[in-house]
């Protein structure tokens, strides 16, 4: 059983090595900059900014989990 899991992990690491491309966060930085432009000045550094910043990724994950 251990050998099978080791072989599966090696195969996944070998064939899906490009998964690191999904770990880029330029989209999050661009989204944060867009929120700073859209929100009025006193709100873009507070809890509202954090809530809006986390809302979109959480909605995307929720959609994928419930489909």
N, C-alpha and C. Protein backbone atom coordinates (compact mmCIF):
# COMPACT_ATOMS: atom_id res chain seq x y z
N UNK A 1 0.81 -1.18 0.00
CA UNK A 1 0.00 0.00 0.00
C UNK A 1 0.87 1.26 0.00
N UNK A 2 1.92 1.22 0.81
CA UNK A 2 2.83 2.36 0.85
C UNK A 2 3.52 2.55 -0.49
N UNK A 3 3.88 1.46 -1.12
CA UNK A 3 4.54 1.55 -2.42
C UNK A 3 3.62 2.16 -3.46
N UNK A 4 2.36 1.80 -3.43
CA UNK A 4 1.39 2.36 -4.38
C UNK A 4 1.24 3.85 -4.16
N UNK A 5 1.15 4.27 -2.91
CA UNK A 5 1.00 5.71 -2.65
C UNK A 5 2.26 6.48 -3.03
N UNK A 6 3.43 5.91 -2.82
CA UNK A 6 4.67 6.56 -3.23
C UNK A 6 4.73 6.68 -4.74
N UNK A 7 4.38 5.62 -5.45
CA UNK A 7 4.41 5.65 -6.91
C UNK A 7 3.38 6.65 -7.46
N UNK A 8 2.20 6.68 -6.86
CA UNK A 8 1.20 7.66 -7.30
C UNK A 8 1.67 9.09 -7.05
N UNK A 9 2.28 9.35 -5.92
CA UNK A 9 2.80 10.68 -5.65
C UNK A 9 3.91 11.07 -6.61
N UNK A 10 4.77 10.14 -6.93
CA UNK A 10 5.83 10.43 -7.90
C UNK A 10 5.25 10.72 -9.28
N UNK A 11 4.23 9.97 -9.66
CA UNK A 11 3.59 10.20 -10.96
C UNK A 11 2.91 11.56 -11.00
N UNK A 12 2.22 11.90 -9.94
CA UNK A 12 1.55 13.20 -9.89
C UNK A 12 2.57 14.32 -9.94
N UNK A 13 3.65 14.17 -9.20
CA UNK A 13 4.69 15.20 -9.20
C UNK A 13 5.33 15.33 -10.58
N UNK A 14 5.49 14.23 -11.27
CA UNK A 14 6.12 14.25 -12.59
C UNK A 14 5.20 14.85 -13.65
N UNK A 15 3.96 14.42 -13.69
CA UNK A 15 3.07 14.82 -14.77
C UNK A 15 2.33 16.12 -14.50
N UNK A 16 2.21 16.49 -13.25
CA UNK A 16 1.52 17.73 -12.92
C UNK A 16 2.46 18.75 -12.29
N UNK A 17 3.68 18.78 -12.76
CA UNK A 17 4.66 19.73 -12.24
C UNK A 17 4.33 21.17 -12.59
N UNK A 18 3.50 21.36 -13.59
CA UNK A 18 3.14 22.71 -14.00
C UNK A 18 2.04 23.31 -13.12
N UNK A 19 1.68 22.64 -12.06
CA UNK A 19 0.65 23.17 -11.18
C UNK A 19 1.14 24.45 -10.50
N UNK A 20 2.44 24.65 -10.43
CA UNK A 20 2.96 25.86 -9.82
C UNK A 20 2.50 27.11 -10.57
N UNK A 21 2.08 26.94 -11.81
CA UNK A 21 1.54 28.08 -12.56
C UNK A 21 0.27 28.62 -11.90
N UNK A 22 -0.45 27.78 -11.19
CA UNK A 22 -1.68 28.21 -10.54
C UNK A 22 -1.42 28.95 -9.24
N UNK A 23 -0.19 28.98 -8.79
CA UNK A 23 0.14 29.64 -7.53
C UNK A 23 0.53 31.10 -7.73
N UNK A 24 0.30 31.63 -8.86
CA UNK A 24 0.61 33.03 -9.11
C UNK A 24 -0.50 33.90 -8.54
N UNK A 25 -0.13 35.01 -7.96
CA UNK A 25 -1.12 35.86 -7.32
C UNK A 25 -1.19 37.25 -7.94
N UNK A 26 -0.77 37.38 -9.21
CA UNK A 26 -0.88 38.67 -9.87
C UNK A 26 -2.34 39.10 -10.00
N UNK A 27 -3.23 38.13 -10.17
CA UNK A 27 -4.65 38.47 -10.29
C UNK A 27 -5.18 39.07 -9.00
N UNK A 28 -4.67 38.60 -7.86
CA UNK A 28 -5.12 39.13 -6.57
C UNK A 28 -4.60 40.55 -6.37
N UNK A 29 -3.38 40.80 -6.78
CA UNK A 29 -2.81 42.14 -6.66
C UNK A 29 -3.56 43.10 -7.57
N UNK A 30 -3.86 42.67 -8.78
CA UNK A 30 -4.61 43.52 -9.70
C UNK A 30 -6.02 43.79 -9.17
N UNK A 31 -6.65 42.79 -8.58
CA UNK A 31 -7.98 42.94 -8.00
C UNK A 31 -7.93 43.91 -6.81
N UNK A 32 -6.90 43.82 -5.98
CA UNK A 32 -6.76 44.73 -4.84
C UNK A 32 -6.55 46.16 -5.33
N UNK A 33 -5.75 46.34 -6.36
CA UNK A 33 -5.55 47.68 -6.91
C UNK A 33 -6.84 48.23 -7.50
N UNK A 34 -7.62 47.38 -8.14
CA UNK A 34 -8.90 47.83 -8.68
C UNK A 34 -9.86 48.24 -7.56
N UNK A 35 -9.88 47.47 -6.47
CA UNK A 35 -10.72 47.83 -5.33
C UNK A 35 -10.29 49.17 -4.73
N UNK A 36 -8.99 49.42 -4.69
CA UNK A 36 -8.51 50.70 -4.17
C UNK A 36 -8.98 51.87 -5.03
N UNK A 37 -9.06 51.63 -6.34
CA UNK A 37 -9.53 52.71 -7.22
C UNK A 37 -11.04 52.91 -7.08
N UNK A 38 -11.77 51.83 -6.84
CA UNK A 38 -13.23 51.90 -6.80
C UNK A 38 -13.75 52.42 -5.46
N UNK A 39 -13.16 51.95 -4.36
CA UNK A 39 -13.65 52.34 -3.04
C UNK A 39 -13.19 53.76 -2.69
N UNK A 40 -13.97 54.47 -1.91
CA UNK A 40 -13.54 55.80 -1.46
C UNK A 40 -12.32 55.69 -0.53
N UNK A 41 -11.60 56.77 -0.39
CA UNK A 41 -10.30 56.79 0.29
C UNK A 41 -10.30 56.22 1.71
N UNK A 42 -11.22 56.56 2.60
CA UNK A 42 -11.05 56.02 3.96
C UNK A 42 -11.35 54.53 4.10
N UNK A 43 -11.92 53.90 3.08
CA UNK A 43 -12.35 52.50 3.22
C UNK A 43 -11.38 51.49 2.62
N UNK A 44 -10.42 51.91 1.82
CA UNK A 44 -9.61 50.90 1.13
C UNK A 44 -8.47 50.34 1.97
N UNK A 45 -8.37 50.71 3.22
CA UNK A 45 -7.35 50.11 4.08
C UNK A 45 -7.96 49.47 5.32
N UNK A 46 -9.25 49.27 5.35
CA UNK A 46 -9.89 48.75 6.55
C UNK A 46 -10.49 47.37 6.36
N UNK A 47 -11.38 47.01 7.24
CA UNK A 47 -12.00 45.68 7.19
C UNK A 47 -12.88 45.47 5.97
N UNK A 48 -13.45 46.55 5.43
CA UNK A 48 -14.26 46.42 4.22
C UNK A 48 -13.41 45.95 3.05
N UNK A 49 -12.21 46.50 2.94
CA UNK A 49 -11.30 46.09 1.86
C UNK A 49 -10.94 44.62 2.02
N UNK A 50 -10.65 44.19 3.22
CA UNK A 50 -10.30 42.78 3.44
C UNK A 50 -11.47 41.86 3.12
N UNK A 51 -12.67 42.26 3.53
CA UNK A 51 -13.85 41.43 3.25
C UNK A 51 -14.10 41.33 1.76
N UNK A 52 -14.02 42.44 1.04
CA UNK A 52 -14.23 42.40 -0.40
C UNK A 52 -13.11 41.67 -1.13
N UNK A 53 -11.91 41.79 -0.61
CA UNK A 53 -10.78 41.11 -1.23
C UNK A 53 -10.89 39.59 -1.11
N UNK A 54 -11.43 39.13 0.00
CA UNK A 54 -11.56 37.69 0.21
C UNK A 54 -12.86 37.13 -0.36
N UNK A 55 -13.81 37.98 -0.64
CA UNK A 55 -15.11 37.52 -1.10
C UNK A 55 -15.04 36.79 -2.44
N UNK A 56 -14.35 37.35 -3.40
CA UNK A 56 -14.30 36.75 -4.74
C UNK A 56 -13.63 35.37 -4.73
N UNK A 57 -12.44 35.21 -4.14
CA UNK A 57 -11.86 33.85 -4.13
C UNK A 57 -12.72 32.85 -3.37
N UNK A 58 -13.36 33.29 -2.29
CA UNK A 58 -14.22 32.38 -1.54
C UNK A 58 -15.45 31.98 -2.35
N UNK A 59 -16.00 32.89 -3.11
CA UNK A 59 -17.14 32.55 -3.98
C UNK A 59 -16.74 31.57 -5.07
N UNK A 60 -15.56 31.77 -5.64
CA UNK A 60 -15.09 30.84 -6.68
C UNK A 60 -14.91 29.44 -6.11
N UNK A 61 -14.30 29.35 -4.94
CA UNK A 61 -14.11 28.04 -4.30
C UNK A 61 -15.46 27.41 -3.96
N UNK A 62 -16.39 28.22 -3.46
CA UNK A 62 -17.71 27.70 -3.12
C UNK A 62 -18.45 27.17 -4.35
N UNK A 63 -18.32 27.85 -5.46
CA UNK A 63 -18.97 27.39 -6.69
C UNK A 63 -18.38 26.06 -7.12
N UNK A 64 -17.07 25.92 -7.05
CA UNK A 64 -16.44 24.66 -7.44
C UNK A 64 -16.79 23.52 -6.48
N UNK A 65 -16.96 23.83 -5.21
CA UNK A 65 -17.28 22.78 -4.25
C UNK A 65 -18.71 22.29 -4.38
N UNK A 66 -19.62 23.18 -4.76
CA UNK A 66 -21.04 22.80 -4.80
C UNK A 66 -21.54 22.43 -6.17
N UNK A 67 -20.68 22.41 -7.16
CA UNK A 67 -21.12 22.00 -8.50
C UNK A 67 -21.07 20.49 -8.62
